[in-house]
Amino acid sequence: MKIVAIIFYIFSAILLLGAFKYFLDLTKPGVYPPKKILKKKAAALFGCGGIFLLMAVLISKFL
């Protein structure tokens, strides 16, 4: 079960780093794709990364 928790930690780190990259792109002027799409992508990645992180913590604590 420890391997599964580690995989979830890795997935959450990748997703959260991707969301952070999109968030940094929002601060730049004249980016493509439009800022509205970047906000949606960043929110989706933050949500999925948070879910994976929560699952990894629950697996590592209770199993």
N, C-alpha and C. Protein backbone atom coordinates (compact mmCIF):
# COMPACT_ATOMS: atom_id res chain seq x y z
N MET A 1 0.81 -1.19 0.00
CA MET A 1 0.00 0.00 0.00
C MET A 1 0.86 1.27 0.00
N LYS A 2 2.09 1.13 0.49
CA LYS A 2 2.96 2.29 0.55
C LYS A 2 3.32 2.78 -0.86
N ILE A 3 3.44 1.86 -1.80
CA ILE A 3 3.75 2.23 -3.18
C ILE A 3 2.61 3.05 -3.78
N VAL A 4 1.37 2.65 -3.48
CA VAL A 4 0.21 3.38 -4.00
C VAL A 4 0.19 4.80 -3.44
N ALA A 5 0.50 4.95 -2.17
CA ALA A 5 0.54 6.29 -1.57
C ALA A 5 1.63 7.14 -2.21
N ILE A 6 2.77 6.55 -2.48
CA ILE A 6 3.87 7.29 -3.12
C ILE A 6 3.47 7.72 -4.53
N ILE A 7 2.80 6.84 -5.26
CA ILE A 7 2.33 7.20 -6.61
C ILE A 7 1.34 8.34 -6.55
N PHE A 8 0.42 8.31 -5.58
CA PHE A 8 -0.53 9.41 -5.43
C PHE A 8 0.18 10.71 -5.06
N TYR A 9 1.21 10.64 -4.21
CA TYR A 9 1.99 11.84 -3.89
C TYR A 9 2.67 12.40 -5.13
N ILE A 10 3.22 11.52 -5.96
CA ILE A 10 3.89 11.98 -7.18
C ILE A 10 2.89 12.62 -8.14
N PHE A 11 1.73 11.97 -8.34
CA PHE A 11 0.70 12.55 -9.20
C PHE A 11 0.23 13.90 -8.69
N SER A 12 0.04 14.02 -7.39
CA SER A 12 -0.43 15.29 -6.83
C SER A 12 0.63 16.37 -7.01
N ALA A 13 1.90 16.02 -6.86
CA ALA A 13 2.96 17.01 -7.05
C ALA A 13 3.01 17.49 -8.49
N ILE A 14 2.87 16.56 -9.43
CA ILE A 14 2.89 16.94 -10.85
C ILE A 14 1.72 17.85 -11.18
N LEU A 15 0.53 17.48 -10.70
CA LEU A 15 -0.66 18.30 -10.99
C LEU A 15 -0.57 19.67 -10.33
N LEU A 16 -0.09 19.73 -9.10
CA LEU A 16 0.00 21.02 -8.43
C LEU A 16 1.08 21.91 -9.05
N LEU A 17 2.18 21.31 -9.51
CA LEU A 17 3.19 22.11 -10.21
C LEU A 17 2.66 22.63 -11.55
N GLY A 18 1.88 21.82 -12.24
CA GLY A 18 1.26 22.28 -13.48
C GLY A 18 0.28 23.42 -13.23
N ALA A 19 -0.49 23.32 -12.16
CA ALA A 19 -1.42 24.39 -11.82
C ALA A 19 -0.66 25.66 -11.46
N PHE A 20 0.44 25.51 -10.75
CA PHE A 20 1.26 26.67 -10.39
C PHE A 20 1.83 27.34 -11.64
N LYS A 21 2.22 26.54 -12.65
CA LYS A 21 2.72 27.09 -13.90
C LYS A 21 1.64 27.90 -14.61
N TYR A 22 0.42 27.36 -14.67
CA TYR A 22 -0.68 28.10 -15.29
C TYR A 22 -0.98 29.37 -14.51
N PHE A 23 -0.89 29.29 -13.19
CA PHE A 23 -1.14 30.47 -12.36
C PHE A 23 -0.09 31.55 -12.64
N LEU A 24 1.16 31.15 -12.82
CA LEU A 24 2.20 32.13 -13.15
C LEU A 24 2.01 32.71 -14.54
N ASP A 25 1.49 31.89 -15.47
CA ASP A 25 1.21 32.40 -16.82
C ASP A 25 0.11 33.45 -16.80
N LEU A 26 -0.77 33.38 -15.82
CA LEU A 26 -1.85 34.38 -15.73
C LEU A 26 -1.30 35.77 -15.43
N THR A 27 -0.15 35.85 -14.79
CA THR A 27 0.40 37.16 -14.43
C THR A 27 1.13 37.82 -15.59
N LYS A 28 1.44 37.07 -16.65
CA LYS A 28 2.14 37.62 -17.79
C LYS A 28 1.16 38.31 -18.74
N PRO A 29 1.55 39.43 -19.30
CA PRO A 29 0.66 40.10 -20.26
C PRO A 29 0.73 39.43 -21.63
N GLY A 30 -0.38 39.40 -22.31
CA GLY A 30 -0.44 38.90 -23.68
C GLY A 30 -0.13 37.44 -23.84
N VAL A 31 -0.71 36.60 -23.00
CA VAL A 31 -0.45 35.17 -23.10
C VAL A 31 -1.49 34.50 -23.98
N TYR A 32 -1.12 33.38 -24.55
CA TYR A 32 -2.05 32.56 -25.28
C TYR A 32 -2.02 31.18 -24.66
N PRO A 33 -3.06 30.54 -24.37
CA PRO A 33 -4.48 30.83 -24.56
C PRO A 33 -4.97 31.94 -23.65
N PRO A 34 -6.18 32.41 -23.88
CA PRO A 34 -6.73 33.52 -23.08
C PRO A 34 -6.76 33.20 -21.59
N LYS A 35 -6.77 34.26 -20.80
CA LYS A 35 -6.70 34.11 -19.34
C LYS A 35 -7.88 33.31 -18.77
N LYS A 36 -9.04 33.40 -19.40
CA LYS A 36 -10.20 32.65 -18.92
C LYS A 36 -9.96 31.15 -19.01
N ILE A 37 -9.34 30.73 -20.09
CA ILE A 37 -9.04 29.30 -20.26
C ILE A 37 -7.94 28.88 -19.29
N LEU A 38 -6.94 29.74 -19.08
CA LEU A 38 -5.87 29.42 -18.14
C LEU A 38 -6.42 29.28 -16.72
N LYS A 39 -7.39 30.13 -16.36
CA LYS A 39 -7.99 30.02 -15.03
C LYS A 39 -8.71 28.69 -14.86
N LYS A 40 -9.43 28.25 -15.90
CA LYS A 40 -10.13 26.97 -15.84
C LYS A 40 -9.15 25.82 -15.71
N LYS A 41 -8.06 25.86 -16.48
CA LYS A 41 -7.06 24.79 -16.41
C LYS A 41 -6.38 24.75 -15.05
N ALA A 42 -6.04 25.94 -14.52
CA ALA A 42 -5.39 25.99 -13.22
C ALA A 42 -6.32 25.47 -12.13
N ALA A 43 -7.59 25.85 -12.19
CA ALA A 43 -8.55 25.37 -11.19
C ALA A 43 -8.74 23.86 -11.27
N ALA A 44 -8.80 23.33 -12.48
CA ALA A 44 -8.96 21.88 -12.64
C ALA A 44 -7.74 21.14 -12.10
N LEU A 45 -6.55 21.64 -12.40
CA LEU A 45 -5.35 20.98 -11.92
C LEU A 45 -5.21 21.09 -10.40
N PHE A 46 -5.56 22.25 -9.83
CA PHE A 46 -5.53 22.39 -8.37
C PHE A 46 -6.51 21.41 -7.72
N GLY A 47 -7.70 21.29 -8.30
CA GLY A 47 -8.70 20.38 -7.74
C GLY A 47 -8.25 18.93 -7.79
N CYS A 48 -7.77 18.50 -8.95
CA CYS A 48 -7.31 17.11 -9.08
C CYS A 48 -6.08 16.85 -8.22
N GLY A 49 -5.17 17.80 -8.17
CA GLY A 49 -3.99 17.64 -7.32
C GLY A 49 -4.36 17.56 -5.86
N GLY A 50 -5.33 18.36 -5.45
CA GLY A 50 -5.78 18.31 -4.06
C GLY A 50 -6.44 16.99 -3.72
N ILE A 51 -7.22 16.46 -4.66
CA ILE A 51 -7.87 15.17 -4.42
C ILE A 51 -6.83 14.06 -4.32
N PHE A 52 -5.85 14.06 -5.22
CA PHE A 52 -4.79 13.05 -5.15
C PHE A 52 -3.99 13.18 -3.86
N LEU A 53 -3.73 14.40 -3.44
CA LEU A 53 -2.99 14.60 -2.19
C LEU A 53 -3.79 14.10 -0.99
N LEU A 54 -5.08 14.38 -0.99
CA LEU A 54 -5.94 13.90 0.09
C LEU A 54 -6.00 12.38 0.12
N MET A 55 -6.11 11.77 -1.05
CA MET A 55 -6.13 10.30 -1.09
C MET A 55 -4.80 9.72 -0.62
N ALA A 56 -3.69 10.35 -0.99
CA ALA A 56 -2.38 9.85 -0.57
C ALA A 56 -2.22 9.95 0.94
N VAL A 57 -2.69 11.06 1.52
CA VAL A 57 -2.59 11.22 2.98
C VAL A 57 -3.47 10.19 3.68
N LEU A 58 -4.67 10.00 3.19
CA LEU A 58 -5.57 9.02 3.81
C LEU A 58 -5.01 7.60 3.71
N ILE A 59 -4.44 7.26 2.57
CA ILE A 59 -3.86 5.92 2.41
C ILE A 59 -2.67 5.74 3.34
N SER A 60 -1.81 6.75 3.41
CA SER A 60 -0.61 6.59 4.23
C SER A 60 -0.91 6.62 5.72
N LYS A 61 -1.96 7.30 6.13
CA LYS A 61 -2.29 7.38 7.56
C LYS A 61 -3.09 6.18 8.05
N PHE A 62 -4.03 5.70 7.24
CA PHE A 62 -4.96 4.69 7.73
C PHE A 62 -4.70 3.28 7.23
N LEU A 63 -3.86 3.11 6.23
CA LEU A 63 -3.62 1.75 5.74
C LEU A 63 -2.19 1.34 5.89
